[in-house]
Amino acid sequence: RKIFLLSCREVDINLSITNDDGKRLKYFDKREHLLCQRNGKYCGWWLRSKYVPDSSLVWYISSEGVVGGNGVQYLGGVRPAFCVPSSVKVAKKQITSDVEGYVFSIEE
């Protein structure tokens, strides 16, 4: 798989009620990296992990960074992740006057 939604394990949520795959990503060593913004406002987002205590829910990270299980009635986004070969150069770039992003370049 090259593009995927993040799991509890990948964002370093280690609770006995997670049933998960993937490997922990160092980026999420900082808990503030669980926070996500859209159009300058913090928003909640979904993980791909099943919420074990209630099979009708999935794991969700709120706009405040609180982790729990929620159902589809809660508005939320996703933060897709993807695999990039180690040969790809990644650099931070100012996209607009108020937005920073990352750009990739592949050297032949």
N, C-alpha and C. Protein backbone atom coordinates (compact mmCIF):
# COMPACT_ATOMS: atom_id res chain seq x y z
N ARG A 1 0.84 -1.17 0.00
CA ARG A 1 0.00 0.00 0.00
C ARG A 1 0.88 1.23 0.00
N LYS A 2 0.52 2.21 -0.78
CA LYS A 2 1.31 3.44 -0.91
C LYS A 2 0.63 4.63 -0.23
N ILE A 3 -0.71 4.67 -0.24
CA ILE A 3 -1.44 5.75 0.42
C ILE A 3 -2.44 5.09 1.38
N PHE A 4 -2.53 5.61 2.60
CA PHE A 4 -3.38 4.97 3.60
C PHE A 4 -3.77 5.96 4.69
N LEU A 5 -4.82 5.65 5.42
CA LEU A 5 -5.18 6.41 6.61
C LEU A 5 -4.33 5.90 7.76
N LEU A 6 -4.05 6.77 8.70
CA LEU A 6 -3.21 6.40 9.83
C LEU A 6 -3.96 5.53 10.83
N SER A 7 -3.20 4.67 11.53
CA SER A 7 -3.76 3.81 12.56
C SER A 7 -3.37 4.33 13.94
N CYS A 8 -3.99 3.77 14.98
CA CYS A 8 -3.62 4.14 16.35
C CYS A 8 -2.14 3.89 16.60
N ARG A 9 -1.64 2.75 16.20
CA ARG A 9 -0.23 2.44 16.43
C ARG A 9 0.68 3.44 15.74
N GLU A 10 0.33 3.84 14.52
CA GLU A 10 1.18 4.77 13.78
C GLU A 10 1.24 6.15 14.42
N VAL A 11 0.17 6.58 15.09
CA VAL A 11 0.17 7.87 15.76
C VAL A 11 0.50 7.74 17.25
N ASP A 12 1.00 6.57 17.65
CA ASP A 12 1.52 6.31 19.00
C ASP A 12 0.43 6.35 20.08
N ILE A 13 -0.74 5.78 19.76
CA ILE A 13 -1.78 5.59 20.76
C ILE A 13 -1.70 4.12 21.17
N ASN A 14 -1.22 3.88 22.38
CA ASN A 14 -1.00 2.52 22.86
C ASN A 14 -1.93 2.23 24.02
N LEU A 15 -3.14 1.84 23.69
CA LEU A 15 -4.12 1.47 24.70
C LEU A 15 -4.46 0.00 24.52
N SER A 16 -4.88 -0.64 25.61
CA SER A 16 -5.21 -2.05 25.52
C SER A 16 -6.45 -2.30 24.66
N ILE A 17 -7.21 -1.26 24.37
CA ILE A 17 -8.43 -1.43 23.58
C ILE A 17 -8.24 -1.07 22.11
N THR A 18 -6.99 -1.06 21.66
CA THR A 18 -6.75 -0.88 20.22
C THR A 18 -6.37 -2.22 19.62
N ASN A 19 -6.82 -2.45 18.44
CA ASN A 19 -6.51 -3.67 17.70
C ASN A 19 -5.97 -3.18 16.37
N ASP A 20 -4.65 -3.20 16.23
CA ASP A 20 -4.09 -2.39 15.18
C ASP A 20 -2.91 -2.99 14.45
N ASP A 21 -2.59 -2.38 13.32
CA ASP A 21 -1.40 -2.73 12.56
C ASP A 21 -0.59 -1.47 12.31
N GLY A 22 0.50 -1.63 11.61
CA GLY A 22 1.37 -0.50 11.30
C GLY A 22 2.50 -0.37 12.31
N LYS A 23 3.39 0.59 12.04
CA LYS A 23 4.53 0.86 12.91
C LYS A 23 4.45 2.30 13.39
N ARG A 24 4.90 2.54 14.61
CA ARG A 24 4.88 3.88 15.19
C ARG A 24 5.71 4.82 14.33
N LEU A 25 5.15 6.00 14.06
CA LEU A 25 5.84 7.03 13.29
C LEU A 25 6.42 8.07 14.25
N LYS A 26 7.71 8.34 14.13
CA LYS A 26 8.38 9.26 15.05
C LYS A 26 7.76 10.65 15.05
N TYR A 27 7.14 11.05 13.97
CA TYR A 27 6.52 12.36 13.88
C TYR A 27 5.53 12.58 15.03
N PHE A 28 4.86 11.53 15.44
CA PHE A 28 3.84 11.66 16.48
C PHE A 28 4.40 11.50 17.89
N ASP A 29 5.73 11.53 18.04
CA ASP A 29 6.34 11.57 19.37
C ASP A 29 5.90 12.84 20.11
N LYS A 30 5.65 13.90 19.35
CA LYS A 30 5.14 15.15 19.92
C LYS A 30 3.62 15.10 19.85
N ARG A 31 2.97 15.13 21.00
CA ARG A 31 1.51 15.01 21.04
C ARG A 31 0.81 16.13 20.28
N GLU A 32 1.45 17.31 20.20
CA GLU A 32 0.80 18.40 19.46
C GLU A 32 0.68 18.09 17.97
N HIS A 33 1.43 17.10 17.49
CA HIS A 33 1.31 16.72 16.09
C HIS A 33 0.01 15.97 15.80
N LEU A 34 -0.74 15.63 16.86
CA LEU A 34 -2.06 15.06 16.66
C LEU A 34 -3.07 16.13 16.22
N LEU A 35 -2.74 17.40 16.50
CA LEU A 35 -3.63 18.49 16.12
C LEU A 35 -3.57 18.71 14.62
N CYS A 36 -4.70 19.01 14.05
CA CYS A 36 -4.81 19.18 12.61
C CYS A 36 -5.60 20.44 12.32
N GLN A 37 -5.16 21.20 11.32
CA GLN A 37 -5.87 22.42 10.93
C GLN A 37 -6.38 22.32 9.51
N ARG A 38 -7.51 22.95 9.32
CA ARG A 38 -8.07 23.09 7.97
C ARG A 38 -8.56 24.53 7.85
N ASN A 39 -8.06 25.23 6.87
CA ASN A 39 -8.42 26.64 6.67
C ASN A 39 -8.20 27.46 7.93
N GLY A 40 -7.11 27.18 8.64
CA GLY A 40 -6.74 27.96 9.81
C GLY A 40 -7.48 27.61 11.09
N LYS A 41 -8.36 26.61 11.06
CA LYS A 41 -9.10 26.21 12.25
C LYS A 41 -8.77 24.76 12.59
N TYR A 42 -8.64 24.48 13.89
CA TYR A 42 -8.40 23.11 14.31
C TYR A 42 -9.63 22.26 14.04
N CYS A 43 -9.40 21.03 13.61
CA CYS A 43 -10.51 20.14 13.28
C CYS A 43 -10.18 18.72 13.71
N GLY A 44 -11.21 17.92 13.85
CA GLY A 44 -11.04 16.50 14.19
C GLY A 44 -10.75 15.68 12.95
N TRP A 45 -10.20 14.50 13.19
CA TRP A 45 -9.89 13.63 12.06
C TRP A 45 -9.96 12.16 12.46
N TRP A 46 -10.23 11.32 11.49
CA TRP A 46 -10.46 9.89 11.68
C TRP A 46 -9.18 9.09 11.48
N LEU A 47 -9.07 8.01 12.24
CA LEU A 47 -8.05 7.00 12.01
C LEU A 47 -8.69 5.79 11.34
N ARG A 48 -7.90 4.88 10.83
CA ARG A 48 -8.47 3.69 10.20
C ARG A 48 -8.76 2.59 11.22
N SER A 49 -8.34 2.78 12.46
CA SER A 49 -8.44 1.74 13.48
C SER A 49 -9.86 1.56 14.02
N LYS A 50 -10.25 0.30 14.14
CA LYS A 50 -11.54 -0.03 14.74
C LYS A 50 -11.49 0.26 16.24
N TYR A 51 -12.55 0.82 16.76
CA TYR A 51 -12.66 1.10 18.20
C TYR A 51 -13.17 -0.18 18.86
N VAL A 52 -12.28 -0.89 19.55
CA VAL A 52 -12.58 -2.23 20.06
C VAL A 52 -13.79 -2.27 21.02
N PRO A 53 -13.97 -1.32 21.95
CA PRO A 53 -15.11 -1.43 22.87
C PRO A 53 -16.49 -1.38 22.20
N ASP A 54 -16.57 -0.79 21.02
CA ASP A 54 -17.84 -0.68 20.31
C ASP A 54 -17.57 -0.81 18.82
N SER A 55 -17.94 -1.93 18.25
CA SER A 55 -17.57 -2.21 16.85
C SER A 55 -18.27 -1.29 15.85
N SER A 56 -19.20 -0.45 16.29
CA SER A 56 -19.84 0.48 15.36
C SER A 56 -19.08 1.81 15.29
N LEU A 57 -17.96 1.93 16.01
CA LEU A 57 -17.18 3.17 16.04
C LEU A 57 -15.78 2.94 15.51
N VAL A 58 -15.13 4.04 15.15
CA VAL A 58 -13.70 4.00 14.82
C VAL A 58 -13.00 5.06 15.65
N TRP A 59 -11.67 4.98 15.71
CA TRP A 59 -10.89 5.94 16.50
C TRP A 59 -10.92 7.30 15.81
N TYR A 60 -10.96 8.33 16.64
CA TYR A 60 -11.12 9.70 16.19
C TYR A 60 -10.26 10.61 17.08
N ILE A 61 -9.66 11.61 16.49
CA ILE A 61 -8.88 12.60 17.24
C ILE A 61 -9.62 13.93 17.10
N SER A 62 -10.03 14.49 18.23
CA SER A 62 -10.82 15.72 18.21
C SER A 62 -9.97 16.92 17.87
N SER A 63 -10.62 18.04 17.67
CA SER A 63 -9.91 19.29 17.34
C SER A 63 -9.01 19.74 18.49
N GLU A 64 -9.24 19.21 19.69
CA GLU A 64 -8.39 19.53 20.85
C GLU A 64 -7.30 18.47 21.06
N GLY A 65 -7.26 17.45 20.22
CA GLY A 65 -6.26 16.39 20.34
C GLY A 65 -6.68 15.26 21.26
N VAL A 66 -7.97 15.22 21.66
CA VAL A 66 -8.48 14.16 22.51
C VAL A 66 -8.77 12.93 21.65
N VAL A 67 -8.33 11.78 22.13
CA VAL A 67 -8.45 10.53 21.38
C VAL A 67 -9.63 9.73 21.93
N GLY A 68 -10.48 9.21 21.05
CA GLY A 68 -11.60 8.38 21.48
C GLY A 68 -12.27 7.73 20.29
N GLY A 69 -13.35 7.04 20.57
CA GLY A 69 -14.12 6.42 19.50
C GLY A 69 -15.33 7.27 19.18
N ASN A 70 -15.63 7.42 17.91
CA ASN A 70 -16.80 8.19 17.49
C ASN A 70 -17.46 7.51 16.30
N GLY A 71 -18.72 7.86 16.10
CA GLY A 71 -19.48 7.36 14.98
C GLY A 71 -19.57 8.38 13.86
N VAL A 72 -20.26 8.01 12.82
CA VAL A 72 -20.29 8.84 11.61
C VAL A 72 -21.00 10.17 11.78
N GLN A 73 -21.74 10.34 12.87
CA GLN A 73 -22.43 11.62 13.07
C GLN A 73 -21.48 12.76 13.41
N TYR A 74 -20.23 12.45 13.74
CA TYR A 74 -19.24 13.48 14.06
C TYR A 74 -18.51 13.90 12.80
N LEU A 75 -18.49 15.20 12.56
CA LEU A 75 -17.79 15.74 11.41
C LEU A 75 -16.29 15.61 11.61
N GLY A 76 -15.60 15.13 10.63
CA GLY A 76 -14.15 14.99 10.74
C GLY A 76 -13.52 14.78 9.39
N GLY A 77 -12.23 14.97 9.35
CA GLY A 77 -11.48 14.78 8.12
C GLY A 77 -10.57 13.57 8.24
N VAL A 78 -9.68 13.44 7.31
CA VAL A 78 -8.66 12.39 7.35
C VAL A 78 -7.31 13.03 7.06
N ARG A 79 -6.28 12.40 7.56
CA ARG A 79 -4.91 12.83 7.26
C ARG A 79 -4.22 11.66 6.56
N PRO A 80 -4.36 11.59 5.26
CA PRO A 80 -3.75 10.46 4.57
C PRO A 80 -2.23 10.47 4.70
N ALA A 81 -1.67 9.30 4.80
CA ALA A 81 -0.22 9.14 4.84
C ALA A 81 0.18 8.37 3.58
N PHE A 82 1.44 8.47 3.23
CA PHE A 82 1.89 7.75 2.05
C PHE A 82 3.35 7.37 2.20
N CYS A 83 3.72 6.34 1.49
CA CYS A 83 5.10 5.85 1.51
C CYS A 83 5.89 6.54 0.41
N VAL A 84 7.06 7.03 0.77
CA VAL A 84 7.92 7.73 -0.18
C VAL A 84 9.29 7.04 -0.14
N PRO A 85 9.84 6.69 -1.28
CA PRO A 85 11.17 6.07 -1.29
C PRO A 85 12.22 6.98 -0.64
N SER A 86 13.22 6.41 -0.03
CA SER A 86 14.25 7.20 0.65
C SER A 86 15.05 8.07 -0.31
N SER A 87 14.99 7.79 -1.60
CA SER A 87 15.72 8.59 -2.59
C SER A 87 15.04 9.93 -2.88
N VAL A 88 13.81 10.10 -2.42
CA VAL A 88 13.06 11.33 -2.67
C VAL A 88 13.48 12.39 -1.67
N LYS A 89 13.81 13.56 -2.15
CA LYS A 89 14.18 14.70 -1.30
C LYS A 89 12.90 15.43 -0.89
N VAL A 90 12.79 15.74 0.40
CA VAL A 90 11.64 16.45 0.93
C VAL A 90 12.11 17.77 1.51
N ALA A 91 11.43 18.86 1.16
CA ALA A 91 11.81 20.18 1.66
C ALA A 91 10.57 20.97 2.06
N LYS A 92 10.69 21.74 3.14
CA LYS A 92 9.60 22.62 3.56
C LYS A 92 9.61 23.84 2.65
N LYS A 93 8.41 24.30 2.26
CA LYS A 93 8.32 25.43 1.34
C LYS A 93 7.13 26.30 1.73
N GLN A 94 7.28 27.59 1.54
CA GLN A 94 6.18 28.53 1.75
C GLN A 94 5.28 28.44 0.53
N ILE A 95 4.07 27.91 0.70
CA ILE A 95 3.15 27.71 -0.41
C ILE A 95 2.44 29.02 -0.75
N THR A 96 1.88 29.66 0.26
CA THR A 96 1.29 30.99 0.13
C THR A 96 1.84 31.83 1.28
N SER A 97 1.42 33.07 1.40
CA SER A 97 1.95 33.94 2.46
C SER A 97 1.68 33.40 3.86
N ASP A 98 0.63 32.59 4.02
CA ASP A 98 0.31 32.09 5.35
C ASP A 98 0.27 30.56 5.46
N VAL A 99 0.70 29.85 4.42
CA VAL A 99 0.68 28.39 4.44
C VAL A 99 2.05 27.83 4.09
N GLU A 100 2.56 26.97 4.99
CA GLU A 100 3.78 26.22 4.70
C GLU A 100 3.40 24.81 4.30
N GLY A 101 4.17 24.21 3.45
CA GLY A 101 3.91 22.84 3.03
C GLY A 101 5.22 22.13 2.74
N TYR A 102 5.12 20.94 2.23
CA TYR A 102 6.29 20.14 1.87
C TYR A 102 6.25 19.81 0.40
N VAL A 103 7.39 19.87 -0.23
CA VAL A 103 7.50 19.52 -1.64
C VAL A 103 8.49 18.38 -1.78
N PHE A 104 8.29 17.59 -2.81
CA PHE A 104 9.12 16.42 -3.06
C PHE A 104 9.82 16.59 -4.40
N SER A 105 11.05 16.12 -4.47
CA SER A 105 11.73 16.09 -5.76
C SER A 105 12.47 14.79 -5.88
N ILE A 106 12.42 14.23 -7.06
CA ILE A 106 13.09 12.96 -7.34
C ILE A 106 14.28 13.26 -8.23
N GLU A 107 15.46 12.95 -7.73
CA GLU A 107 16.67 13.18 -8.53
C GLU A 107 16.96 11.93 -9.33
N GLU A 108 17.20 12.10 -10.58
CA GLU A 108 17.50 10.96 -11.47
C GLU A 108 18.96 10.61 -11.36
